[in-house]
Amino acid sequence: MFKILLCDNDLSSIKLDILKKYEVDIASSKDDILNLTFENDYDLFIVHIYYFTIIKELKSSDSIKEAKVIFLDEYYQISHLKKAYDIGDDYILKPINLEELDIKVQYHYKKIYTNTQNIIKYKNFFFYTNLKHLYQNSKKIKLSPNESKLLYMLLTSLNKNITKIYLLKELQTSDATLRVYISKLNKLGFNINYERVNSSYMLTELK
C-alpha cells in the first residue's frame, strides 16, 4: 500500500476524498512528523513549506532518503521554490487545486510502483529497488536502512557468494551486528547461508 504522511492544517479533510485510495497518516506538528516517521515507512510526504527544516533533517539522516516530497505554500517565493526542489520533488501553491494534487500523487505512485524494472521478486516478497522497500504480498515489512542495503546486495547477487569482509565494509558495521541483520532476514523467510570455507554469505531461493 502506498503510504503518505500529510502535514498541512488546511488539507486534513482530503484524507477522506482524493487520498482515500492510499494509506494516509496526518501530522500536525514537527513532533508528529518525527514520531510517525520513526514508526512508519512513507512513500510520499505532502507537507507545508513551514516544515522544510525537519524534512531536510530527515533526508540528511537517511530516514526518508528515498521518499518523495511535495511541498505546499501560500505564497510564491523563489527562495521557497529553490529550497523545495533542493530536497523535494514538487511545489504546489495554495489554494490547492485538488485535481492537480491528485495528478501529482498518482504520478509519484506510478513512478515508484508500476515500473517492474524496480522490483525484485523473491518467493512471496517484493523488493522495490528505488525505495529499498520490502513487501510480503501486500504488507510492508519495516527494515532499517542497513538491513535494506544488505537485502539489496543479497538479492542482486542471488545464488552467489558475497564475502563477509565486503559486507562489513559496505555496511560499516560490526560482525555481531551483521549476524543480527542476517538472522532477522532469515526469520522473515530469506534463505541466507554462511560458508565458513570462504567466509561468505549466499542468498538462495529454495524450490
C-alpha atoms as a PDB file:
ATOM      1  CA  MET A   1       0.000   0.000   0.000  1.00  0.00           C
ATOM      2  CA  PHE A   2       1.256   3.471  -0.943  1.00  0.00           C
ATOM      3  CA  LYS A   3       1.819   5.306   2.371  1.00  0.00           C
ATOM      4  CA  ILE A   4       1.504   9.079   2.641  1.00  0.00           C
ATOM      5  CA  LEU A   5       2.223  11.440   5.510  1.00  0.00           C
ATOM      6  CA  LEU A   6       0.167  14.623   5.251  1.00  0.00           C
ATOM      7  CA  CYS A   7       1.108  17.662   7.305  1.00  0.00           C
ATOM      8  CA  ASP A   8      -0.890  20.774   6.473  1.00  0.00           C
ATOM      9  CA  ASN A   9      -3.650  22.191   8.630  1.00  0.00           C
ATOM     10  CA  ASP A  10      -5.835  23.129   5.659  1.00  0.00           C
ATOM     11  CA  LEU A  11      -5.810  19.743   3.982  1.00  0.00           C
ATOM     12  CA  SER A  12      -6.748  17.176   6.615  1.00  0.00           C
ATOM     13  CA  SER A  13     -10.153  16.706   5.000  1.00  0.00           C
ATOM     14  CA  ILE A  14      -8.694  15.417   1.741  1.00  0.00           C
ATOM     15  CA  LYS A  15      -7.768  12.212   3.539  1.00  0.00           C
ATOM     16  CA  LEU A  16     -11.425  11.295   3.055  1.00  0.00           C
ATOM     17  CA  ASP A  17     -11.506  12.469  -0.541  1.00  0.00           C
ATOM     18  CA  ILE A  18      -8.808  12.229  -3.223  1.00  0.00           C
ATOM     19  CA  LEU A  19      -6.362  10.340  -0.980  1.00  0.00           C
ATOM     20  CA  LYS A  20      -8.803   7.700   0.249  1.00  0.00           C
ATOM     21  CA  LYS A  21      -7.322   5.085  -2.094  1.00  0.00           C
ATOM     22  CA  TYR A  22      -3.978   5.388  -0.298  1.00  0.00           C
ATOM     23  CA  GLU A  23      -2.869   4.779   3.279  1.00  0.00           C
ATOM     24  CA  VAL A  24      -2.644   8.253   4.838  1.00  0.00           C
ATOM     25  CA  ASP A  25      -1.438   9.441   8.238  1.00  0.00           C
ATOM     26  CA  ILE A  26      -1.878  13.030   9.393  1.00  0.00           C
ATOM     27  CA  ALA A  27       0.716  15.014  11.346  1.00  0.00           C
ATOM     28  CA  SER A  28       0.013  18.363  12.945  1.00  0.00           C
ATOM     29  CA  SER A  29       3.452  19.269  14.295  1.00  0.00           C
ATOM     30  CA  LYS A  30       7.172  18.654  13.923  1.00  0.00           C
ATOM     31  CA  ASP A  31       6.994  16.111  16.751  1.00  0.00           C
ATOM     32  CA  ASP A  32       4.215  14.267  14.922  1.00  0.00           C
ATOM     33  CA  ILE A  33       6.352  14.107  11.781  1.00  0.00           C
ATOM     34  CA  LEU A  34       9.309  12.711  13.726  1.00  0.00           C
ATOM     35  CA  ASN A  35       7.270  10.181  15.688  1.00  0.00           C
ATOM     36  CA  LEU A  36       5.256   8.926  12.734  1.00  0.00           C
ATOM     37  CA  THR A  37       8.336   8.691  10.510  1.00  0.00           C
ATOM     38  CA  PHE A  38      10.110   6.687  13.196  1.00  0.00           C
ATOM     39  CA  GLU A  39       7.196   4.234  13.310  1.00  0.00           C
ATOM     40  CA  ASN A  40       6.394   4.016   9.575  1.00  0.00           C
ATOM     41  CA  ASP A  41       7.984   3.931   6.137  1.00  0.00           C
ATOM     42  CA  TYR A  42       6.339   6.589   3.988  1.00  0.00           C
ATOM     43  CA  ASP A  43       6.492   6.715   0.213  1.00  0.00           C
ATOM     44  CA  LEU A  44       5.298  10.303  -0.066  1.00  0.00           C
ATOM     45  CA  PHE A  45       5.260  13.362   2.191  1.00  0.00           C
ATOM     46  CA  ILE A  46       2.779  16.164   1.490  1.00  0.00           C
ATOM     47  CA  VAL A  47       3.899  18.921   3.827  1.00  0.00           C
ATOM     48  CA  HIS A  48       3.741  22.678   4.235  1.00  0.00           C
ATOM     49  CA  ILE A  49       6.974  24.519   3.437  1.00  0.00           C
ATOM     50  CA  TYR A  50       6.984  25.542   7.112  1.00  0.00           C
ATOM     51  CA  TYR A  51       8.258  22.030   7.845  1.00  0.00           C
ATOM     52  CA  PHE A  52      11.148  22.286   5.380  1.00  0.00           C
ATOM     53  CA  THR A  53      13.831  22.133   8.086  1.00  0.00           C
ATOM     54  CA  ILE A  54      12.569  18.934   9.689  1.00  0.00           C
ATOM     55  CA  ILE A  55      12.150  17.257   6.298  1.00  0.00           C
ATOM     56  CA  LYS A  56      15.693  18.294   5.371  1.00  0.00           C
ATOM     57  CA  GLU A  57      16.999  16.796   8.606  1.00  0.00           C
ATOM     58  CA  LEU A  58      15.176  13.531   7.940  1.00  0.00           C
ATOM     59  CA  LYS A  59      16.527  13.426   4.386  1.00  0.00           C
ATOM     60  CA  SER A  60      20.073  14.071   5.637  1.00  0.00           C
ATOM     61  CA  SER A  61      19.820  11.283   8.188  1.00  0.00           C
ATOM     62  CA  ASP A  62      18.645   8.785   5.534  1.00  0.00           C
ATOM     63  CA  SER A  63      15.388   8.287   7.445  1.00  0.00           C
ATOM     64  CA  ILE A  64      13.363   9.240   4.359  1.00  0.00           C
ATOM     65  CA  LYS A  65      16.149   9.393   1.792  1.00  0.00           C
ATOM     66  CA  GLU A  66      14.168   7.690  -0.979  1.00  0.00           C
ATOM     67  CA  ALA A  67      10.702   9.056  -0.189  1.00  0.00           C
ATOM     68  CA  LYS A  68       9.112  11.681  -2.428  1.00  0.00           C
ATOM     69  CA  VAL A  69       8.143  15.092  -1.034  1.00  0.00           C
ATOM     70  CA  ILE A  70       5.508  17.573  -2.205  1.00  0.00           C
ATOM     71  CA  PHE A  71       5.805  20.974  -0.530  1.00  0.00           C
ATOM     72  CA  LEU A  72       2.786  23.278  -0.180  1.00  0.00           C
ATOM     73  CA  ASP A  73       2.980  27.063   0.134  1.00  0.00           C
ATOM     74  CA  GLU A  74       0.576  30.024   0.411  1.00  0.00           C
ATOM     75  CA  TYR A  75       2.728  32.498  -1.495  1.00  0.00           C
ATOM     76  CA  TYR A  76       5.113  32.012  -4.362  1.00  0.00           C
ATOM     77  CA  GLN A  77       8.662  32.836  -3.355  1.00  0.00           C
ATOM     78  CA  ILE A  78      11.651  31.955  -5.490  1.00  0.00           C
ATOM     79  CA  SER A  79      13.654  31.156  -2.343  1.00  0.00           C
ATOM     80  CA  HIS A  80      10.972  28.688  -1.240  1.00  0.00           C
ATOM     81  CA  LEU A  81      10.835  27.160  -4.716  1.00  0.00           C
ATOM     82  CA  LYS A  82      14.594  26.627  -4.701  1.00  0.00           C
ATOM     83  CA  LYS A  83      14.524  25.092  -1.217  1.00  0.00           C
ATOM     84  CA  ALA A  84      11.642  22.783  -2.152  1.00  0.00           C
ATOM     85  CA  TYR A  85      13.414  21.375  -5.190  1.00  0.00           C
ATOM     86  CA  ASP A  86      16.737  21.101  -3.369  1.00  0.00           C
ATOM     87  CA  ILE A  87      15.363  18.224  -1.310  1.00  0.00           C
ATOM     88  CA  GLY A  88      11.837  17.620  -2.635  1.00  0.00           C
ATOM     89  CA  ASP A  89      10.040  16.654  -5.817  1.00  0.00           C
ATOM     90  CA  ASP A  90       7.118  19.079  -6.218  1.00  0.00           C
ATOM     91  CA  TYR A  91       5.982  22.531  -5.141  1.00  0.00           C
ATOM     92  CA  ILE A  92       2.277  23.450  -5.146  1.00  0.00           C
ATOM     93  CA  LEU A  93       0.746  26.822  -4.363  1.00  0.00           C
ATOM     94  CA  LYS A  94      -2.407  27.378  -2.344  1.00  0.00           C
ATOM     95  CA  PRO A  95      -5.316  27.465  -2.714  1.00  0.00           C
ATOM     96  CA  ILE A  96      -4.777  23.859  -3.660  1.00  0.00           C
ATOM     97  CA  ASN A  97      -6.264  22.625  -6.885  1.00  0.00           C
ATOM     98  CA  LEU A  98      -7.270  19.139  -5.730  1.00  0.00           C
ATOM     99  CA  GLU A  99      -7.196  17.768  -9.268  1.00  0.00           C
ATOM    100  CA  GLU A 100      -3.609  18.968  -9.656  1.00  0.00           C
ATOM    101  CA  LEU A 101      -2.641  17.401  -6.328  1.00  0.00           C
ATOM    102  CA  ASP A 102      -4.364  14.142  -7.289  1.00  0.00           C
ATOM    103  CA  ILE A 103      -2.481  14.034 -10.605  1.00  0.00           C
ATOM    104  CA  LYS A 104       0.854  14.625  -8.900  1.00  0.00           C
ATOM    105  CA  VAL A 105       0.228  11.991  -6.232  1.00  0.00           C
ATOM    106  CA  GLN A 106      -0.736   9.483  -8.930  1.00  0.00           C
ATOM    107  CA  TYR A 107       2.408  10.396 -10.858  1.00  0.00           C
ATOM    108  CA  HIS A 108       4.668   9.591  -7.915  1.00  0.00           C
ATOM    109  CA  TYR A 109       2.731   6.407  -7.173  1.00  0.00           C
ATOM    110  CA  LYS A 110       3.134   5.176 -10.747  1.00  0.00           C
ATOM    111  CA  LYS A 111       6.771   6.195 -10.869  1.00  0.00           C
ATOM    112  CA  ILE A 112       7.508   4.143  -7.779  1.00  0.00           C
ATOM    113  CA  TYR A 113       5.238   1.124  -8.077  1.00  0.00           C
ATOM    114  CA  THR A 114       4.391   0.423 -11.700  1.00  0.00           C
ATOM    115  CA  ASN A 115       7.897   0.158 -13.124  1.00  0.00           C
ATOM    116  CA  THR A 116       8.631  -3.574 -12.969  1.00  0.00           C
ATOM    117  CA  GLN A 117      12.322  -2.868 -13.553  1.00  0.00           C
ATOM    118  CA  ASN A 118      12.383  -1.513  -9.997  1.00  0.00           C
ATOM    119  CA  ILE A 119      11.061  -4.741  -8.467  1.00  0.00           C
ATOM    120  CA  ILE A 120      12.941  -7.858  -7.401  1.00  0.00           C
ATOM    121  CA  LYS A 121      10.692 -10.812  -6.541  1.00  0.00           C
ATOM    122  CA  TYR A 122      11.796 -13.478  -4.070  1.00  0.00           C
ATOM    123  CA  LYS A 123       9.239 -16.103  -3.083  1.00  0.00           C
ATOM    124  CA  ASN A 124       6.249 -14.011  -1.966  1.00  0.00           C
ATOM    125  CA  PHE A 125       8.421 -10.965  -1.290  1.00  0.00           C
ATOM    126  CA  PHE A 126       8.661  -7.872  -3.467  1.00  0.00           C
ATOM    127  CA  PHE A 127      11.645  -5.557  -3.027  1.00  0.00           C
ATOM    128  CA  TYR A 128      11.388  -2.108  -4.609  1.00  0.00           C
ATOM    129  CA  THR A 129      14.952  -1.199  -5.502  1.00  0.00           C
ATOM    130  CA  ASN A 130      14.357   2.524  -5.983  1.00  0.00           C
ATOM    131  CA  LEU A 131      12.933   2.983  -2.469  1.00  0.00           C
ATOM    132  CA  LYS A 132      14.588  -0.034  -0.843  1.00  0.00           C
ATOM    133  CA  HIS A 133      11.168  -1.071   0.490  1.00  0.00           C
ATOM    134  CA  LEU A 134      10.202  -4.677   1.154  1.00  0.00           C
ATOM    135  CA  TYR A 135       6.693  -6.114   0.866  1.00  0.00           C
ATOM    136  CA  GLN A 136       5.479  -9.611   1.675  1.00  0.00           C
ATOM    137  CA  ASN A 137       2.470  -9.988  -0.576  1.00  0.00           C
ATOM    138  CA  SER A 138       0.840  -6.575   0.054  1.00  0.00           C
ATOM    139  CA  LYS A 139       2.199  -5.991   3.582  1.00  0.00           C
ATOM    140  CA  LYS A 140       5.154  -3.645   4.005  1.00  0.00           C
ATOM    141  CA  ILE A 141       7.982  -5.072   6.124  1.00  0.00           C
ATOM    142  CA  LYS A 142       9.884  -2.494   8.153  1.00  0.00           C
ATOM    143  CA  LEU A 143      13.645  -2.657   7.684  1.00  0.00           C
ATOM    144  CA  SER A 144      16.414  -0.393   8.885  1.00  0.00           C
ATOM    145  CA  PRO A 145      18.487   1.390   6.203  1.00  0.00           C
ATOM    146  CA  ASN A 146      21.337  -1.087   6.691  1.00  0.00           C
ATOM    147  CA  GLU A 147      19.006  -4.097   6.576  1.00  0.00           C
ATOM    148  CA  SER A 148      17.544  -2.796   3.320  1.00  0.00           C
ATOM    149  CA  LYS A 149      21.005  -2.219   1.884  1.00  0.00           C
ATOM    150  CA  LEU A 150      22.105  -5.708   2.887  1.00  0.00           C
ATOM    151  CA  LEU A 151      18.996  -7.291   1.399  1.00  0.00           C
ATOM    152  CA  TYR A 152      19.503  -5.381  -1.847  1.00  0.00           C
ATOM    153  CA  MET A 153      23.080  -6.673  -2.125  1.00  0.00           C
ATOM    154  CA  LEU A 154      21.946 -10.236  -1.453  1.00  0.00           C
ATOM    155  CA  LEU A 155      19.013 -10.107  -3.879  1.00  0.00           C
ATOM    156  CA  THR A 156      21.136  -8.688  -6.675  1.00  0.00           C
ATOM    157  CA  SER A 157      23.669 -11.483  -6.096  1.00  0.00           C
ATOM    158  CA  LEU A 158      21.192 -14.360  -5.766  1.00  0.00           C
ATOM    159  CA  ASN A 159      22.959 -17.743  -5.583  1.00  0.00           C
ATOM    160  CA  LYS A 160      26.346 -16.011  -5.456  1.00  0.00           C
ATOM    161  CA  ASN A 161      28.779 -15.664  -2.585  1.00  0.00           C
ATOM    162  CA  ILE A 162      29.360 -12.259  -1.043  1.00  0.00           C
ATOM    163  CA  THR A 163      32.333 -12.110   1.290  1.00  0.00           C
ATOM    164  CA  LYS A 164      31.780 -11.051   4.870  1.00  0.00           C
ATOM    165  CA  ILE A 165      34.637  -8.552   4.567  1.00  0.00           C
ATOM    166  CA  TYR A 166      32.855  -6.826   1.681  1.00  0.00           C
ATOM    167  CA  LEU A 167      29.539  -6.661   3.545  1.00  0.00           C
ATOM    168  CA  LEU A 168      31.167  -5.273   6.688  1.00  0.00           C
ATOM    169  CA  LYS A 169      32.896  -2.589   4.647  1.00  0.00           C
ATOM    170  CA  GLU A 170      29.774  -1.600   2.687  1.00  0.00           C
ATOM    171  CA  LEU A 171      27.541  -1.511   5.753  1.00  0.00           C
ATOM    172  CA  GLN A 172      30.214  -0.013   8.008  1.00  0.00           C
ATOM    173  CA  THR A 173      29.148  -2.263  10.826  1.00  0.00           C
ATOM    174  CA  SER A 174      30.486  -4.982  13.131  1.00  0.00           C
ATOM    175  CA  ASP A 175      30.499  -8.732  12.665  1.00  0.00           C
ATOM    176  CA  ALA A 176      28.000  -9.146  15.533  1.00  0.00           C
ATOM    177  CA  THR A 177      25.588  -6.591  14.081  1.00  0.00           C
ATOM    178  CA  LEU A 178      25.840  -8.183  10.637  1.00  0.00           C
ATOM    179  CA  ARG A 179      24.821 -11.512  12.175  1.00  0.00           C
ATOM    180  CA  VAL A 180      21.785  -9.786  13.733  1.00  0.00           C
ATOM    181  CA  TYR A 181      20.768  -8.451  10.297  1.00  0.00           C
ATOM    182  CA  ILE A 182      21.197 -11.883   8.715  1.00  0.00           C
ATOM    183  CA  SER A 183      19.201 -13.549  11.495  1.00  0.00           C
ATOM    184  CA  LYS A 184      16.297 -11.125  11.031  1.00  0.00           C
ATOM    185  CA  LEU A 185      16.186 -11.673   7.275  1.00  0.00           C
ATOM    186  CA  ASN A 186      16.313 -15.439   7.735  1.00  0.00           C
ATOM    187  CA  LYS A 187      13.421 -15.291  10.211  1.00  0.00           C
ATOM    188  CA  LEU A 188      11.392 -13.312   7.660  1.00  0.00           C
ATOM    189  CA  GLY A 189      11.849 -16.118   5.134  1.00  0.00           C
ATOM    190  CA  PHE A 190      15.061 -15.395   3.261  1.00  0.00           C
ATOM    191  CA  ASN A 191      17.400 -18.353   2.907  1.00  0.00           C
ATOM    192  CA  ILE A 192      20.829 -16.901   3.694  1.00  0.00           C
ATOM    193  CA  ASN A 193      23.655 -19.329   4.391  1.00  0.00           C
ATOM    194  CA  TYR A 194      27.139 -18.715   5.728  1.00  0.00           C
ATOM    195  CA  GLU A 195      30.032 -20.584   4.146  1.00  0.00           C
ATOM    196  CA  ARG A 196      32.983 -20.878   6.518  1.00  0.00           C
ATOM    197  CA  VAL A 197      35.412 -22.009   3.811  1.00  0.00           C
ATOM    198  CA  ASN A 198      35.498 -18.596   2.165  1.00  0.00           C
ATOM    199  CA  SER A 199      33.812 -16.534   4.916  1.00  0.00           C
ATOM    200  CA  SER A 200      30.908 -15.502   2.725  1.00  0.00           C
ATOM    201  CA  TYR A 201      27.123 -15.306   2.683  1.00  0.00           C
ATOM    202  CA  MET A 202      24.819 -16.545  -0.055  1.00  0.00           C
ATOM    203  CA  LEU A 203      21.106 -15.988  -0.593  1.00  0.00           C
ATOM    204  CA  THR A 204      19.401 -18.902  -2.316  1.00  0.00           C
ATOM    205  CA  GLU A 205      15.812 -19.439  -3.346  1.00  0.00           C
ATOM    206  CA  LEU A 206      14.552 -22.821  -2.271  1.00  0.00           C
ATOM    207  CA  LYS A 207      12.338 -24.628  -4.778  1.00  0.00           C
END
